[in-house]
Every structure is written in structure tokens, then in C-alpha cells.
N, C-alpha and C. Protein backbone atom coordinates (compact mmCIF):
# COMPACT_ATOMS: atom_id res chain seq x y z
N MET A 1 0.85 -1.20 0.00
CA MET A 1 0.00 0.00 0.00
C MET A 1 0.89 1.25 0.00
N SER A 2 0.55 2.23 -0.85
CA SER A 2 1.35 3.45 -0.92
C SER A 2 1.06 4.36 0.26
N GLY A 3 1.95 5.35 0.47
CA GLY A 3 1.73 6.31 1.54
C GLY A 3 0.45 7.09 1.34
N SER A 4 0.14 7.43 0.08
CA SER A 4 -1.08 8.17 -0.20
C SER A 4 -2.32 7.36 0.16
N GLU A 5 -2.31 6.06 -0.18
CA GLU A 5 -3.46 5.20 0.15
C GLU A 5 -3.61 5.04 1.66
N GLU A 6 -2.48 4.92 2.37
CA GLU A 6 -2.54 4.80 3.82
C GLU A 6 -3.08 6.07 4.45
N TRP A 7 -2.65 7.24 3.92
CA TRP A 7 -3.13 8.51 4.45
C TRP A 7 -4.61 8.68 4.18
N GLN A 8 -5.08 8.33 3.01
CA GLN A 8 -6.50 8.43 2.69
C GLN A 8 -7.32 7.50 3.57
N GLY A 9 -6.80 6.32 3.84
CA GLY A 9 -7.49 5.40 4.74
C GLY A 9 -7.59 5.96 6.14
N TRP A 10 -6.52 6.60 6.60
CA TRP A 10 -6.54 7.23 7.92
C TRP A 10 -7.57 8.35 7.96
N ARG A 11 -7.63 9.16 6.91
CA ARG A 11 -8.58 10.27 6.88
C ARG A 11 -10.02 9.77 6.90
N ARG A 12 -10.30 8.72 6.12
CA ARG A 12 -11.67 8.19 6.09
C ARG A 12 -12.07 7.65 7.45
N ALA A 13 -11.15 6.95 8.09
CA ALA A 13 -11.47 6.38 9.41
C ALA A 13 -11.63 7.46 10.46
N LYS A 14 -10.93 8.58 10.29
CA LYS A 14 -10.94 9.63 11.30
C LYS A 14 -12.21 10.47 11.25
N LYS A 15 -12.90 10.47 10.11
CA LYS A 15 -14.11 11.28 9.98
C LYS A 15 -15.13 10.88 11.03
N GLY A 16 -15.69 11.88 11.69
CA GLY A 16 -16.70 11.61 12.70
C GLY A 16 -16.14 11.39 14.08
N VAL A 17 -14.80 11.32 14.20
CA VAL A 17 -14.20 11.16 15.53
C VAL A 17 -14.01 12.54 16.14
N ASN A 18 -14.69 12.80 17.23
CA ASN A 18 -14.62 14.09 17.89
C ASN A 18 -13.67 14.00 19.07
N VAL A 19 -12.56 14.74 19.01
CA VAL A 19 -11.53 14.63 20.04
C VAL A 19 -11.42 15.95 20.79
N ASP A 20 -11.44 15.87 22.11
CA ASP A 20 -11.27 17.03 22.96
C ASP A 20 -9.86 16.98 23.53
N VAL A 21 -9.01 17.92 23.12
CA VAL A 21 -7.63 17.93 23.59
C VAL A 21 -7.38 19.10 24.52
N ARG A 22 -8.40 19.62 25.17
CA ARG A 22 -8.22 20.78 26.03
C ARG A 22 -7.55 20.43 27.34
N ASN A 23 -7.69 19.21 27.80
CA ASN A 23 -7.14 18.84 29.10
C ASN A 23 -5.68 18.44 28.95
N GLU A 24 -4.79 19.41 28.99
CA GLU A 24 -3.37 19.15 28.78
C GLU A 24 -2.77 18.31 29.90
N ARG A 25 -3.25 18.50 31.11
CA ARG A 25 -2.73 17.72 32.23
C ARG A 25 -3.04 16.24 32.04
N GLU A 26 -4.24 15.95 31.55
CA GLU A 26 -4.63 14.56 31.28
C GLU A 26 -3.73 13.95 30.22
N PHE A 27 -3.47 14.72 29.15
CA PHE A 27 -2.62 14.25 28.06
C PHE A 27 -1.22 13.95 28.55
N MET A 28 -0.63 14.88 29.31
CA MET A 28 0.74 14.70 29.78
C MET A 28 0.83 13.52 30.73
N GLY A 29 -0.20 13.32 31.57
CA GLY A 29 -0.19 12.19 32.48
C GLY A 29 -0.14 10.88 31.74
N PHE A 30 -0.91 10.76 30.67
CA PHE A 30 -0.88 9.52 29.90
C PHE A 30 0.45 9.33 29.20
N ALA A 31 1.00 10.40 28.63
CA ALA A 31 2.28 10.30 27.93
C ALA A 31 3.36 9.76 28.85
N GLU A 32 3.38 10.24 30.09
CA GLU A 32 4.38 9.77 31.05
C GLU A 32 4.18 8.28 31.36
N LYS A 33 2.92 7.86 31.51
CA LYS A 33 2.64 6.45 31.78
C LYS A 33 3.03 5.57 30.59
N TYR A 34 2.76 6.06 29.39
CA TYR A 34 3.08 5.30 28.19
C TYR A 34 4.59 5.11 28.06
N ILE A 35 5.34 6.19 28.29
CA ILE A 35 6.80 6.11 28.21
C ILE A 35 7.34 5.16 29.26
N ALA A 36 6.77 5.22 30.48
CA ALA A 36 7.20 4.31 31.55
C ALA A 36 6.94 2.86 31.16
N SER A 37 5.83 2.61 30.50
CA SER A 37 5.48 1.24 30.10
C SER A 37 6.44 0.69 29.06
N ILE A 38 6.71 1.48 28.03
CA ILE A 38 7.55 0.97 26.95
C ILE A 38 9.02 0.86 27.36
N ASN A 39 9.40 1.57 28.42
CA ASN A 39 10.78 1.50 28.89
C ASN A 39 10.96 0.50 30.03
N SER A 40 9.88 -0.14 30.46
CA SER A 40 9.95 -1.05 31.59
C SER A 40 10.37 -2.46 31.16
N SER A 41 11.14 -3.12 32.01
CA SER A 41 11.51 -4.51 31.76
C SER A 41 10.58 -5.48 32.48
N ASN A 42 9.61 -4.92 33.22
CA ASN A 42 8.67 -5.75 33.98
C ASN A 42 7.25 -5.33 33.62
N LEU A 43 6.58 -6.13 32.82
CA LEU A 43 5.22 -5.81 32.39
C LEU A 43 4.22 -6.82 32.96
N LYS A 44 4.39 -7.13 34.23
CA LYS A 44 3.42 -7.98 34.90
C LYS A 44 2.07 -7.28 34.94
N ASP A 45 1.01 -8.05 34.91
CA ASP A 45 -0.34 -7.49 34.93
C ASP A 45 -1.12 -8.14 36.07
N ASP A 46 -1.09 -7.50 37.23
CA ASP A 46 -1.84 -8.00 38.38
C ASP A 46 -2.26 -6.82 39.23
N GLU A 47 -2.75 -7.09 40.45
CA GLU A 47 -3.29 -6.01 41.27
C GLU A 47 -2.24 -5.00 41.72
N ARG A 48 -0.97 -5.37 41.63
CA ARG A 48 0.09 -4.46 42.06
C ARG A 48 0.89 -3.87 40.90
N HIS A 49 0.70 -4.38 39.72
CA HIS A 49 1.44 -3.90 38.55
C HIS A 49 0.45 -3.44 37.48
N HIS A 50 0.63 -2.21 37.02
CA HIS A 50 -0.37 -1.62 36.12
C HIS A 50 0.24 -1.01 34.85
N LEU A 51 1.50 -1.32 34.58
CA LEU A 51 2.14 -0.69 33.43
C LEU A 51 1.52 -1.10 32.10
N THR A 52 0.95 -2.31 32.05
CA THR A 52 0.34 -2.75 30.79
C THR A 52 -0.92 -1.97 30.45
N GLU A 53 -1.51 -1.31 31.44
CA GLU A 53 -2.76 -0.59 31.19
C GLU A 53 -2.57 0.54 30.20
N ALA A 54 -1.45 1.26 30.29
CA ALA A 54 -1.20 2.35 29.34
C ALA A 54 -1.04 1.82 27.92
N LEU A 55 -0.38 0.67 27.78
CA LEU A 55 -0.22 0.06 26.46
C LEU A 55 -1.56 -0.39 25.89
N ALA A 56 -2.41 -0.95 26.75
CA ALA A 56 -3.73 -1.38 26.30
C ALA A 56 -4.59 -0.19 25.90
N ALA A 57 -4.52 0.89 26.69
CA ALA A 57 -5.29 2.09 26.37
C ALA A 57 -4.83 2.70 25.06
N ALA A 58 -3.52 2.67 24.81
CA ALA A 58 -2.99 3.19 23.55
C ALA A 58 -3.49 2.36 22.38
N ALA A 59 -3.56 1.05 22.56
CA ALA A 59 -4.06 0.17 21.49
C ALA A 59 -5.53 0.45 21.19
N LEU A 60 -6.33 0.67 22.24
CA LEU A 60 -7.75 0.98 22.04
C LEU A 60 -7.91 2.33 21.35
N ALA A 61 -7.11 3.31 21.75
CA ALA A 61 -7.17 4.62 21.10
C ALA A 61 -6.70 4.53 19.66
N ASP A 62 -5.75 3.65 19.40
CA ASP A 62 -5.25 3.41 18.05
C ASP A 62 -6.40 2.96 17.14
N ARG A 63 -7.24 2.07 17.64
CA ARG A 63 -8.36 1.56 16.85
C ARG A 63 -9.37 2.66 16.56
N SER A 64 -9.67 3.50 17.56
CA SER A 64 -10.69 4.53 17.37
C SER A 64 -10.18 5.71 16.57
N GLY A 65 -8.87 5.93 16.55
CA GLY A 65 -8.31 7.08 15.85
C GLY A 65 -7.58 6.74 14.57
N ALA A 66 -7.63 5.49 14.16
CA ALA A 66 -7.09 5.02 12.88
C ALA A 66 -5.57 4.98 12.83
N GLY A 67 -4.89 5.16 13.95
CA GLY A 67 -3.52 4.73 14.03
C GLY A 67 -2.40 5.72 13.81
N LEU A 68 -2.62 6.86 13.19
CA LEU A 68 -1.48 7.72 12.89
C LEU A 68 -0.88 8.31 14.16
N GLY A 69 -1.71 8.74 15.11
CA GLY A 69 -1.19 9.27 16.37
C GLY A 69 -0.42 8.23 17.13
N ALA A 70 -0.93 6.99 17.13
CA ALA A 70 -0.23 5.90 17.81
C ALA A 70 1.10 5.62 17.14
N LEU A 71 1.13 5.67 15.82
CA LEU A 71 2.37 5.44 15.09
C LEU A 71 3.39 6.53 15.41
N LEU A 72 2.93 7.76 15.51
CA LEU A 72 3.81 8.85 15.90
C LEU A 72 4.41 8.61 17.28
N SER A 73 3.57 8.17 18.21
CA SER A 73 4.04 7.90 19.57
C SER A 73 5.06 6.77 19.59
N ARG A 74 4.78 5.71 18.83
CA ARG A 74 5.70 4.58 18.80
C ARG A 74 7.06 4.98 18.24
N VAL A 75 7.04 5.75 17.15
CA VAL A 75 8.30 6.16 16.53
C VAL A 75 9.09 7.07 17.46
N LYS A 76 8.40 8.00 18.11
CA LYS A 76 9.11 8.98 18.94
C LYS A 76 9.59 8.39 20.26
N TYR A 77 8.77 7.53 20.88
CA TYR A 77 9.08 7.09 22.23
C TYR A 77 9.56 5.65 22.33
N ALA A 78 9.24 4.82 21.35
CA ALA A 78 9.52 3.39 21.52
C ALA A 78 10.55 2.82 20.56
N ASP A 79 10.99 3.58 19.58
CA ASP A 79 11.87 3.03 18.55
C ASP A 79 13.33 3.42 18.72
N GLY A 80 13.74 3.89 19.87
CA GLY A 80 15.15 4.22 20.09
C GLY A 80 15.42 5.70 19.97
N ALA A 81 16.70 6.05 19.97
CA ALA A 81 17.11 7.45 19.96
C ALA A 81 16.62 8.15 18.70
N ALA A 82 15.98 9.30 18.90
CA ALA A 82 15.39 10.02 17.77
C ALA A 82 16.42 10.43 16.74
N ARG A 83 17.60 10.82 17.17
CA ARG A 83 18.63 11.27 16.23
C ARG A 83 19.10 10.16 15.30
N GLN A 84 18.93 8.90 15.73
CA GLN A 84 19.41 7.78 14.93
C GLN A 84 18.32 7.20 14.02
N LEU A 85 17.09 7.66 14.18
CA LEU A 85 15.98 7.01 13.49
C LEU A 85 16.10 7.07 11.97
N PHE A 86 16.47 8.24 11.45
CA PHE A 86 16.50 8.39 10.00
C PHE A 86 17.63 7.58 9.37
N GLU A 87 18.57 7.12 10.19
CA GLU A 87 19.66 6.30 9.67
C GLU A 87 19.45 4.82 9.97
N SER A 88 18.54 4.51 10.86
CA SER A 88 18.41 3.13 11.33
C SER A 88 17.54 2.25 10.44
N GLY A 89 16.69 2.87 9.60
CA GLY A 89 15.80 2.08 8.76
C GLY A 89 14.65 1.47 9.54
N SER A 90 14.22 2.11 10.62
CA SER A 90 13.10 1.61 11.41
C SER A 90 11.88 1.41 10.53
N SER A 91 11.25 0.23 10.64
CA SER A 91 10.08 -0.05 9.81
C SER A 91 8.93 0.88 10.17
N ASN A 92 8.77 1.19 11.48
CA ASN A 92 7.73 2.13 11.88
C ASN A 92 7.98 3.50 11.28
N LEU A 93 9.23 3.94 11.30
CA LEU A 93 9.57 5.24 10.74
C LEU A 93 9.32 5.27 9.23
N ALA A 94 9.70 4.20 8.54
CA ALA A 94 9.51 4.15 7.09
C ALA A 94 8.03 4.26 6.74
N GLN A 95 7.18 3.55 7.49
CA GLN A 95 5.74 3.63 7.27
C GLN A 95 5.23 5.03 7.56
N LEU A 96 5.67 5.60 8.68
CA LEU A 96 5.23 6.94 9.06
C LEU A 96 5.66 7.97 8.02
N LEU A 97 6.88 7.85 7.53
CA LEU A 97 7.38 8.81 6.55
C LEU A 97 6.58 8.74 5.26
N ARG A 98 6.20 7.54 4.83
CA ARG A 98 5.37 7.41 3.62
C ARG A 98 4.02 8.10 3.82
N ILE A 99 3.38 7.81 4.95
CA ILE A 99 2.06 8.39 5.21
C ILE A 99 2.15 9.90 5.35
N TRP A 100 3.17 10.36 6.08
CA TRP A 100 3.28 11.79 6.34
C TRP A 100 3.63 12.56 5.07
N THR A 101 4.45 12.00 4.21
CA THR A 101 4.78 12.66 2.95
C THR A 101 3.54 12.82 2.08
N ALA A 102 2.71 11.77 2.04
CA ALA A 102 1.44 11.86 1.29
C ALA A 102 0.51 12.89 1.92
N ALA A 103 0.49 12.95 3.25
CA ALA A 103 -0.37 13.91 3.95
C ALA A 103 0.06 15.34 3.66
N VAL A 104 1.37 15.58 3.71
CA VAL A 104 1.88 16.93 3.45
C VAL A 104 1.60 17.34 2.01
N ALA A 105 1.74 16.41 1.07
CA ALA A 105 1.43 16.72 -0.33
C ALA A 105 -0.03 17.13 -0.49
N GLU A 106 -0.92 16.40 0.18
CA GLU A 106 -2.34 16.74 0.10
C GLU A 106 -2.62 18.10 0.74
N LYS A 107 -2.00 18.34 1.89
CA LYS A 107 -2.18 19.63 2.56
C LYS A 107 -1.65 20.76 1.69
N GLY A 108 -0.48 20.54 1.08
CA GLY A 108 0.11 21.57 0.24
C GLY A 108 -0.76 21.91 -0.96
N ARG A 109 -1.33 20.87 -1.58
CA ARG A 109 -2.21 21.12 -2.73
C ARG A 109 -3.49 21.82 -2.30
N SER A 110 -4.10 21.35 -1.22
CA SER A 110 -5.38 21.93 -0.80
C SER A 110 -5.23 23.35 -0.28
N ARG A 111 -4.07 23.67 0.27
CA ARG A 111 -3.84 25.00 0.81
C ARG A 111 -3.18 25.94 -0.20
N GLY A 112 -2.89 25.41 -1.39
CA GLY A 112 -2.35 26.24 -2.46
C GLY A 112 -0.98 26.81 -2.16
N TRP A 113 -0.09 25.97 -1.64
CA TRP A 113 1.24 26.47 -1.32
C TRP A 113 1.94 27.03 -2.54
N VAL A 114 1.86 26.30 -3.65
CA VAL A 114 2.50 26.75 -4.89
C VAL A 114 1.58 26.44 -6.06
N LYS A 115 1.74 27.19 -7.14
CA LYS A 115 0.99 26.91 -8.36
C LYS A 115 1.65 25.74 -9.09
N ALA A 116 0.83 24.88 -9.65
CA ALA A 116 1.35 23.72 -10.37
C ALA A 116 0.66 23.60 -11.71
N ASN A 117 0.83 24.63 -12.54
CA ASN A 117 0.15 24.67 -13.83
C ASN A 117 0.89 23.90 -14.92
N THR A 118 2.18 23.78 -14.78
CA THR A 118 2.98 23.09 -15.79
C THR A 118 3.66 21.87 -15.18
N ALA A 119 4.24 21.06 -16.04
CA ALA A 119 4.94 19.87 -15.56
C ALA A 119 6.12 20.27 -14.67
N TRP A 120 6.79 21.36 -15.02
CA TRP A 120 7.92 21.83 -14.20
C TRP A 120 7.41 22.29 -12.84
N ASP A 121 6.28 23.01 -12.83
CA ASP A 121 5.69 23.45 -11.56
C ASP A 121 5.35 22.26 -10.68
N GLN A 122 4.77 21.24 -11.29
CA GLN A 122 4.38 20.05 -10.53
C GLN A 122 5.59 19.35 -9.93
N GLN A 123 6.67 19.31 -10.70
CA GLN A 123 7.89 18.69 -10.20
C GLN A 123 8.46 19.49 -9.03
N ALA A 124 8.44 20.82 -9.16
CA ALA A 124 8.95 21.67 -8.09
C ALA A 124 8.07 21.56 -6.84
N ALA A 125 6.75 21.47 -7.04
CA ALA A 125 5.84 21.33 -5.91
C ALA A 125 6.07 20.01 -5.19
N HIS A 126 6.24 18.94 -5.97
CA HIS A 126 6.49 17.62 -5.37
C HIS A 126 7.77 17.65 -4.53
N ALA A 127 8.80 18.31 -5.04
CA ALA A 127 10.06 18.41 -4.30
C ALA A 127 9.87 19.20 -3.00
N LEU A 128 9.06 20.26 -3.07
CA LEU A 128 8.78 21.06 -1.87
C LEU A 128 8.04 20.23 -0.83
N TYR A 129 7.00 19.51 -1.25
CA TYR A 129 6.24 18.68 -0.31
C TYR A 129 7.16 17.66 0.36
N HIS A 130 8.04 17.07 -0.45
CA HIS A 130 8.96 16.05 0.07
C HIS A 130 9.89 16.67 1.13
N ARG A 131 10.45 17.84 0.84
CA ARG A 131 11.37 18.49 1.78
C ARG A 131 10.65 18.88 3.07
N VAL A 132 9.45 19.44 2.93
CA VAL A 132 8.69 19.87 4.10
C VAL A 132 8.31 18.67 4.97
N ALA A 133 7.89 17.58 4.33
CA ALA A 133 7.50 16.39 5.08
C ALA A 133 8.68 15.83 5.87
N HIS A 134 9.81 15.67 5.23
CA HIS A 134 10.98 15.10 5.90
C HIS A 134 11.50 16.03 6.99
N ALA A 135 11.58 17.33 6.68
CA ALA A 135 12.11 18.28 7.67
C ALA A 135 11.20 18.42 8.87
N SER A 136 9.89 18.46 8.64
CA SER A 136 8.95 18.63 9.75
C SER A 136 8.93 17.41 10.66
N LEU A 137 8.98 16.22 10.06
CA LEU A 137 8.99 15.00 10.87
C LEU A 137 10.29 14.90 11.66
N ALA A 138 11.41 15.21 11.02
CA ALA A 138 12.70 15.16 11.72
C ALA A 138 12.72 16.15 12.88
N HIS A 139 12.20 17.35 12.65
CA HIS A 139 12.20 18.37 13.71
C HIS A 139 11.26 17.97 14.83
N TRP A 140 10.10 17.42 14.48
CA TRP A 140 9.16 17.00 15.53
C TRP A 140 9.74 15.87 16.37
N LEU A 141 10.44 14.96 15.74
CA LEU A 141 11.03 13.84 16.47
C LEU A 141 12.15 14.30 17.39
N ASP A 142 12.93 15.26 16.95
CA ASP A 142 14.08 15.68 17.76
C ASP A 142 14.39 17.15 17.48
N GLY A 143 13.55 18.04 17.99
CA GLY A 143 13.71 19.47 17.74
C GLY A 143 14.31 20.21 18.91
N LYS A 144 15.09 19.51 19.72
CA LYS A 144 15.69 20.15 20.90
C LYS A 144 16.72 21.20 20.47
N CYS A 145 16.87 22.20 21.31
CA CYS A 145 17.90 23.21 21.11
C CYS A 145 19.27 22.54 21.23
N VAL A 146 20.13 22.77 20.26
CA VAL A 146 21.46 22.14 20.27
C VAL A 146 22.32 22.70 21.40
N ALA A 147 22.15 23.98 21.69
CA ALA A 147 23.01 24.63 22.70
C ALA A 147 22.78 24.09 24.10
N CYS A 148 21.50 23.84 24.46
CA CYS A 148 21.19 23.41 25.83
C CYS A 148 20.64 21.99 25.90
N HIS A 149 20.55 21.31 24.75
CA HIS A 149 20.03 19.94 24.67
C HIS A 149 18.60 19.83 25.19
N GLY A 150 17.84 20.91 25.01
CA GLY A 150 16.42 20.88 25.37
C GLY A 150 16.11 21.23 26.81
N THR A 151 17.12 21.59 27.60
CA THR A 151 16.89 21.88 29.02
C THR A 151 16.46 23.33 29.27
N GLY A 152 16.79 24.23 28.36
CA GLY A 152 16.48 25.64 28.55
C GLY A 152 17.55 26.40 29.31
N VAL A 153 18.54 25.68 29.83
CA VAL A 153 19.64 26.32 30.55
C VAL A 153 20.96 25.74 30.05
N THR A 154 22.03 26.51 30.15
CA THR A 154 23.33 26.07 29.69
C THR A 154 24.01 25.22 30.76
N SER A 155 25.17 24.66 30.42
CA SER A 155 25.89 23.80 31.36
C SER A 155 26.31 24.53 32.63
N ASN A 156 26.49 25.85 32.54
CA ASN A 156 26.82 26.63 33.74
C ASN A 156 25.59 27.26 34.37
N ARG A 157 24.42 26.66 34.08
CA ARG A 157 23.14 27.04 34.69
C ARG A 157 22.71 28.46 34.37
N GLN A 158 23.04 28.89 33.18
CA GLN A 158 22.60 30.19 32.70
C GLN A 158 21.43 30.01 31.73
N PHE A 159 20.62 31.05 31.62
CA PHE A 159 19.50 31.06 30.68
C PHE A 159 20.02 30.86 29.27
N CYS A 160 19.42 29.92 28.54
CA CYS A 160 19.88 29.62 27.18
C CYS A 160 19.36 30.69 26.22
N ALA A 161 20.27 31.47 25.67
CA ALA A 161 19.88 32.56 24.78
C ALA A 161 19.33 32.08 23.44
N PRO A 162 19.94 31.08 22.78
CA PRO A 162 19.44 30.67 21.46
C PRO A 162 17.97 30.26 21.45
N CYS A 163 17.52 29.51 22.47
CA CYS A 163 16.12 29.06 22.49
C CYS A 163 15.27 29.87 23.46
N LYS A 164 15.88 30.90 24.08
CA LYS A 164 15.18 31.76 25.04
C LYS A 164 14.57 30.97 26.19
N GLY A 165 15.25 29.89 26.57
CA GLY A 165 14.81 29.10 27.71
C GLY A 165 13.73 28.09 27.41
N GLY A 166 13.27 28.04 26.16
CA GLY A 166 12.18 27.13 25.81
C GLY A 166 12.62 25.70 25.55
N GLY A 167 13.89 25.50 25.26
CA GLY A 167 14.41 24.17 25.02
C GLY A 167 14.22 23.66 23.60
N LYS A 168 13.54 24.43 22.76
CA LYS A 168 13.28 23.99 21.39
C LYS A 168 14.18 24.73 20.41
N GLY A 169 14.73 23.98 19.46
CA GLY A 169 15.58 24.57 18.46
C GLY A 169 14.78 25.20 17.32
N GLU A 170 15.44 26.05 16.57
CA GLU A 170 14.81 26.67 15.41
C GLU A 170 14.80 25.70 14.23
N VAL A 171 13.77 25.80 13.43
CA VAL A 171 13.74 25.02 12.19
C VAL A 171 14.82 25.54 11.26
N GLN A 172 15.68 24.64 10.81
CA GLN A 172 16.80 25.02 9.95
C GLN A 172 16.37 24.96 8.49
N CYS A 173 16.22 26.11 7.89
CA CYS A 173 15.81 26.18 6.48
C CYS A 173 16.20 27.54 5.93
N ALA A 174 16.73 27.55 4.72
CA ALA A 174 17.24 28.79 4.14
C ALA A 174 16.11 29.77 3.79
N GLY A 175 14.98 29.26 3.31
CA GLY A 175 13.90 30.12 2.84
C GLY A 175 12.81 30.33 3.88
N GLY A 176 12.34 31.57 4.00
CA GLY A 176 11.30 31.88 4.98
C GLY A 176 9.99 31.18 4.69
N PHE A 177 9.58 31.12 3.42
CA PHE A 177 8.32 30.48 3.06
C PHE A 177 8.35 29.00 3.43
N GLU A 178 9.41 28.32 3.07
CA GLU A 178 9.52 26.89 3.36
C GLU A 178 9.60 26.65 4.86
N ARG A 179 10.31 27.53 5.58
CA ARG A 179 10.41 27.39 7.04
C ARG A 179 9.02 27.49 7.68
N GLU A 180 8.21 28.41 7.20
CA GLU A 180 6.85 28.55 7.75
C GLU A 180 6.02 27.30 7.50
N ARG A 181 6.15 26.71 6.32
CA ARG A 181 5.41 25.49 6.02
C ARG A 181 5.87 24.34 6.93
N ILE A 182 7.16 24.26 7.17
CA ILE A 182 7.69 23.22 8.06
C ILE A 182 7.15 23.42 9.47
N GLN A 183 7.14 24.66 9.94
CA GLN A 183 6.62 24.95 11.27
C GLN A 183 5.15 24.59 11.38
N ASP A 184 4.39 24.88 10.32
CA ASP A 184 2.97 24.51 10.31
C ASP A 184 2.79 23.00 10.43
N MET A 185 3.61 22.24 9.71
CA MET A 185 3.49 20.79 9.74
C MET A 185 3.95 20.21 11.07
N VAL A 186 4.94 20.83 11.70
CA VAL A 186 5.35 20.40 13.05
C VAL A 186 4.18 20.56 14.01
N SER A 187 3.47 21.68 13.89
CA SER A 187 2.29 21.91 14.74
C SER A 187 1.21 20.87 14.47
N ASP A 188 1.02 20.52 13.20
CA ASP A 188 0.03 19.49 12.86
C ASP A 188 0.40 18.14 13.45
N LEU A 189 1.68 17.80 13.41
CA LEU A 189 2.14 16.54 14.00
C LEU A 189 1.87 16.51 15.50
N GLU A 190 2.15 17.62 16.15
CA GLU A 190 1.93 17.68 17.60
C GLU A 190 0.45 17.54 17.93
N CYS A 191 -0.41 18.14 17.12
CA CYS A 191 -1.86 18.01 17.33
C CYS A 191 -2.30 16.56 17.16
N LEU A 192 -1.74 15.87 16.18
CA LEU A 192 -2.11 14.47 15.94
C LEU A 192 -1.76 13.58 17.13
N VAL A 193 -0.55 13.75 17.67
CA VAL A 193 -0.15 12.88 18.78
C VAL A 193 -0.86 13.27 20.06
N GLN A 194 -1.16 14.55 20.24
CA GLN A 194 -1.92 14.97 21.42
C GLN A 194 -3.35 14.43 21.36
N SER A 195 -3.93 14.42 20.16
CA SER A 195 -5.27 13.86 20.01
C SER A 195 -5.28 12.38 20.37
N HIS A 196 -4.29 11.65 19.88
CA HIS A 196 -4.19 10.22 20.21
C HIS A 196 -4.02 10.02 21.71
N ASN A 197 -3.11 10.76 22.33
CA ASN A 197 -2.85 10.57 23.75
C ASN A 197 -4.05 10.98 24.60
N SER A 198 -4.80 11.97 24.13
CA SER A 198 -6.02 12.35 24.85
C SER A 198 -7.05 11.24 24.80
N ARG A 199 -7.22 10.62 23.61
CA ARG A 199 -8.14 9.48 23.50
C ARG A 199 -7.68 8.34 24.40
N ALA A 200 -6.37 8.07 24.39
CA ALA A 200 -5.84 6.98 25.20
C ALA A 200 -6.01 7.26 26.69
N ALA A 201 -5.82 8.51 27.10
CA ALA A 201 -6.00 8.87 28.51
C ALA A 201 -7.43 8.62 28.95
N LYS A 202 -8.38 8.95 28.09
CA LYS A 202 -9.79 8.70 28.40
C LYS A 202 -10.07 7.20 28.48
N ARG A 203 -9.47 6.44 27.56
CA ARG A 203 -9.63 4.98 27.62
C ARG A 203 -9.06 4.42 28.91
N LEU A 204 -7.94 4.96 29.34
CA LEU A 204 -7.31 4.50 30.58
C LEU A 204 -8.22 4.74 31.77
N LEU A 205 -8.87 5.90 31.79
CA LEU A 205 -9.78 6.22 32.89
C LEU A 205 -11.04 5.35 32.85
N LEU A 206 -11.58 5.16 31.65
CA LEU A 206 -12.85 4.43 31.51
C LEU A 206 -12.69 2.92 31.71
N ASN A 207 -11.60 2.37 31.19
CA ASN A 207 -11.46 0.91 31.15
C ASN A 207 -10.67 0.31 32.30
N PHE A 208 -9.82 1.13 32.94
CA PHE A 208 -8.90 0.52 33.89
C PHE A 208 -8.96 1.13 35.29
N ASP A 209 -9.72 2.19 35.49
CA ASP A 209 -9.83 2.77 36.83
C ASP A 209 -10.92 2.07 37.63
């Protein structure tokens, strides 16, 4: 199945799913539990061990949300060091990159990023979509500030000037237009994973509390 077909399948399945992502505390609580689960060497499931519950809730949310948010979570949190992902050939990453590239192309066309009246225009547009998809996914996976490694402070405990204490690095791109498109897609990726984690947090409360 091509990335475009996978993206279209995700969109069809997502229609009619109403997600409330206003409760940020709920979302963050689930994300922490999910990370603890995937990093644990002990996944016993009894009255004293509950780490499997976050994994089960994520699986249930995966079914109701058609999987892209869950795939994002798996790639970012469960597939190893983010900086090594694009070199490692992770199967989850390869699938995600196909779907996300198709999604960005559709978004670019629907939002009229560039005119594609001629064959040359279409080729240039395709190259733009490809660059934006790869750059936005790479930045979302590991967009920490290089100077402070995402902490917001320097090694001598000073305020990090490059990221202004936020811990996030700037999108590296020569052109302003392309940088804005990458930033937009990074925001879209974050919304997708927050939506998934919010659904999973609700599943955790409903099914396991």
C-alpha cells in the first residue's frame, strides 16, 4: 500500500471522531505512563502492577483514531534514539514517513502552497512537499535546542539565549516560506499525537480505573 493510500485510509477512518484535547494535564499524564510502560523490563499485569494498562489504552485509542497518532508515539518514544531514526531504517519510521509525505502533499495542494500549472511546476511542488515532510517530521522527532540539549539552561546554569529558555531549536531552512510550512506541519504533527494521547488517557480512565 502506498503512503497516499494509507493517508487516505486514515482520513476516512478519522471522519466523525470528535476529540477534545483541552485537558493538557490529562494528556501529559498519559504520555508519562506510556513512556514508563515501553521502557519497563517488567510488564506484569496484576493487582500491584499496572504498566500494561497504558499500552492497552494506547491500542484501544489506536483503533478509534485510525492509528497515525499511535504510530507517531511509537516512533518517537519506543523506537530508540530520535537522532538515529533516520539512519536506522526503522520499519515504523519508514511507514510513518510514507504516510506523512502523502499527507503533506495533500495539505500543500489543498492550501495552495505553490501553483502547479505546468509539468515543471508540478515537479517543483512535489520536491517542496517532500522536503517539508521530511524536515517537519525530523524536527518534531528531535527538535531540541542544540546549545542546551532541550533543558532551557546552559551547562553553567545560565539562561539559554538561542532558544530563550524554551528548550526547542529553530527550524533550519534557508527560505522563509519553506520554514513557515515546516513549522505549520510540526504543529500538525503535535496536534495528531496529542489527540491520540487524549483518547488513550480517556480509555485509561474508563477501562482501567
